[in-house]
Amino acid sequence: MNGPAEPLRSGPKVTLYWRPGCVFCLRLRLVLWWHHLSAHKVNIWADPDAAAFVRSVADGNETVPTVVVDGYPIVNPVPSQVVAALRAG
């Protein structure tokens, strides 16, 4: 009889904070789409708590994209950073 199966790790938990009209956000979202990767996306203009969080990690600014990978925030990351983080999981 086999023991219990180990839970599968689905990769790092990634949240992408973005806003409409941001070309850097669009670029990152397109790169993720191109690589068939996904992240939980939060529009900071539609979510005041998300906007407050971004300000708290971006020196008071609403700098997007801001990405949180396994609880670690990265403000305005290079898309390859996010792709590497998602593939590392």
C-alpha atoms as a PDB file:
ATOM      1  CA  MET A   1       0.000   0.000   0.000  1.00  0.00           C
ATOM      2  CA  ASN A   2       1.369   3.391  -0.968  1.00  0.00           C
ATOM      3  CA  GLY A   3       1.572   6.380   1.391  1.00  0.00           C
ATOM      4  CA  PRO A   4      -0.315   9.599   0.806  1.00  0.00           C
ATOM      5  CA  ALA A   5       0.546  11.474  -2.335  1.00  0.00           C
ATOM      6  CA  GLU A   6       2.622  14.597  -1.949  1.00  0.00           C
ATOM      7  CA  PRO A   7       0.787  17.769  -2.892  1.00  0.00           C
ATOM      8  CA  LEU A   8       1.834  19.188  -6.221  1.00  0.00           C
ATOM      9  CA  ARG A   9       3.341  22.656  -6.147  1.00  0.00           C
ATOM     10  CA  SER A  10       1.683  24.670  -8.864  1.00  0.00           C
ATOM     11  CA  GLY A  11       4.458  27.247  -8.974  1.00  0.00           C
ATOM     12  CA  PRO A  12       4.967  30.535  -7.227  1.00  0.00           C
ATOM     13  CA  LYS A  13       2.010  32.677  -6.303  1.00  0.00           C
ATOM     14  CA  VAL A  14       2.253  35.740  -8.549  1.00  0.00           C
ATOM     15  CA  THR A  15       0.124  38.877  -8.486  1.00  0.00           C
ATOM     16  CA  LEU A  16       0.448  41.532 -11.180  1.00  0.00           C
ATOM     17  CA  TYR A  17      -0.746  45.016 -10.219  1.00  0.00           C
ATOM     18  CA  TRP A  18      -1.536  47.075 -13.317  1.00  0.00           C
ATOM     19  CA  ARG A  19      -3.685  49.943 -14.605  1.00  0.00           C
ATOM     20  CA  PRO A  20      -5.363  50.693 -17.940  1.00  0.00           C
ATOM     21  CA  GLY A  21      -3.261  52.716 -20.365  1.00  0.00           C
ATOM     22  CA  CYS A  22       0.079  51.618 -18.894  1.00  0.00           C
ATOM     23  CA  VAL A  23       2.267  50.505 -21.803  1.00  0.00           C
ATOM     24  CA  PHE A  24       4.724  48.784 -19.448  1.00  0.00           C
ATOM     25  CA  CYS A  25       1.859  46.749 -17.988  1.00  0.00           C
ATOM     26  CA  LEU A  26       0.657  45.864 -21.469  1.00  0.00           C
ATOM     27  CA  ARG A  27       4.157  44.772 -22.467  1.00  0.00           C
ATOM     28  CA  LEU A  28       4.457  42.527 -19.394  1.00  0.00           C
ATOM     29  CA  ARG A  29       1.002  41.041 -19.930  1.00  0.00           C
ATOM     30  CA  LEU A  30       1.836  40.313 -23.586  1.00  0.00           C
ATOM     31  CA  VAL A  31       5.132  38.657 -22.623  1.00  0.00           C
ATOM     32  CA  LEU A  32       3.332  36.456 -20.087  1.00  0.00           C
ATOM     33  CA  TRP A  33       0.701  35.576 -22.709  1.00  0.00           C
ATOM     34  CA  TRP A  34       3.417  34.777 -25.259  1.00  0.00           C
ATOM     35  CA  HIS A  35       5.087  32.376 -22.807  1.00  0.00           C
ATOM     36  CA  HIS A  36       1.732  30.809 -21.800  1.00  0.00           C
ATOM     37  CA  LEU A  37       2.198  31.989 -18.220  1.00  0.00           C
ATOM     38  CA  SER A  38      -0.393  33.529 -15.976  1.00  0.00           C
ATOM     39  CA  ALA A  39      -0.549  35.681 -12.896  1.00  0.00           C
ATOM     40  CA  HIS A  40      -3.397  36.992 -10.808  1.00  0.00           C
ATOM     41  CA  LYS A  41      -4.056  40.471 -12.243  1.00  0.00           C
ATOM     42  CA  VAL A  42      -5.314  43.389 -10.149  1.00  0.00           C
ATOM     43  CA  ASN A  43      -6.301  46.743 -11.663  1.00  0.00           C
ATOM     44  CA  ILE A  44      -5.196  49.365  -9.128  1.00  0.00           C
ATOM     45  CA  TRP A  45      -7.718  51.887 -10.495  1.00  0.00           C
ATOM     46  CA  ALA A  46     -10.558  49.489  -9.693  1.00  0.00           C
ATOM     47  CA  ASP A  47      -9.240  48.399  -6.284  1.00  0.00           C
ATOM     48  CA  PRO A  48      -8.302  51.124  -3.761  1.00  0.00           C
ATOM     49  CA  ASP A  49      -6.667  48.590  -1.435  1.00  0.00           C
ATOM     50  CA  ALA A  50      -4.449  47.398  -4.288  1.00  0.00           C
ATOM     51  CA  ALA A  51      -3.484  50.987  -5.097  1.00  0.00           C
ATOM     52  CA  ALA A  52      -2.601  51.555  -1.429  1.00  0.00           C
ATOM     53  CA  PHE A  53      -0.478  48.404  -1.429  1.00  0.00           C
ATOM     54  CA  VAL A  54       1.424  49.531  -4.537  1.00  0.00           C
ATOM     55  CA  ARG A  55       2.052  52.940  -2.941  1.00  0.00           C
ATOM     56  CA  SER A  56       3.353  51.183   0.175  1.00  0.00           C
ATOM     57  CA  VAL A  57       6.039  49.304  -1.778  1.00  0.00           C
ATOM     58  CA  ALA A  58       6.799  51.995  -4.394  1.00  0.00           C
ATOM     59  CA  ASP A  59       7.857  54.955  -2.237  1.00  0.00           C
ATOM     60  CA  GLY A  60       4.356  56.423  -2.201  1.00  0.00           C
ATOM     61  CA  ASN A  61       3.882  56.200  -5.967  1.00  0.00           C
ATOM     62  CA  GLU A  62       1.402  54.110  -7.936  1.00  0.00           C
ATOM     63  CA  THR A  63       4.174  52.630 -10.069  1.00  0.00           C
ATOM     64  CA  VAL A  64       2.959  49.790 -12.221  1.00  0.00           C
ATOM     65  CA  PRO A  65       3.527  47.140 -13.123  1.00  0.00           C
ATOM     66  CA  THR A  66       4.267  45.983  -9.628  1.00  0.00           C
ATOM     67  CA  VAL A  67       4.551  42.221  -9.287  1.00  0.00           C
ATOM     68  CA  VAL A  68       4.480  40.177  -6.102  1.00  0.00           C
ATOM     69  CA  VAL A  69       6.150  36.771  -6.356  1.00  0.00           C
ATOM     70  CA  ASP A  70       5.604  34.535  -3.321  1.00  0.00           C
ATOM     71  CA  GLY A  71       5.116  37.608  -1.141  1.00  0.00           C
ATOM     72  CA  TYR A  72       8.141  39.535  -2.449  1.00  0.00           C
ATOM     73  CA  PRO A  73       7.216  42.774  -4.297  1.00  0.00           C
ATOM     74  CA  ILE A  74       9.105  43.871  -7.418  1.00  0.00           C
ATOM     75  CA  VAL A  75       8.340  47.375  -8.683  1.00  0.00           C
ATOM     76  CA  ASN A  76       8.475  47.839 -12.465  1.00  0.00           C
ATOM     77  CA  PRO A  77      10.265  44.544 -13.181  1.00  0.00           C
ATOM     78  CA  VAL A  78      11.851  43.585 -16.454  1.00  0.00           C
ATOM     79  CA  PRO A  79       9.493  41.048 -18.077  1.00  0.00           C
ATOM     80  CA  SER A  80      12.249  38.412 -18.129  1.00  0.00           C
ATOM     81  CA  GLN A  81      12.394  38.606 -14.294  1.00  0.00           C
ATOM     82  CA  VAL A  82       8.731  37.698 -14.048  1.00  0.00           C
ATOM     83  CA  VAL A  83       8.996  34.937 -16.655  1.00  0.00           C
ATOM     84  CA  ALA A  84      11.973  33.448 -14.771  1.00  0.00           C
ATOM     85  CA  ALA A  85      10.112  33.619 -11.450  1.00  0.00           C
ATOM     86  CA  LEU A  86       7.056  31.877 -12.907  1.00  0.00           C
ATOM     87  CA  ARG A  87       9.128  29.165 -14.546  1.00  0.00           C
ATOM     88  CA  ALA A  88      11.204  28.577 -11.397  1.00  0.00           C
ATOM     89  CA  GLY A  89       8.166  27.373  -9.502  1.00  0.00           C
END
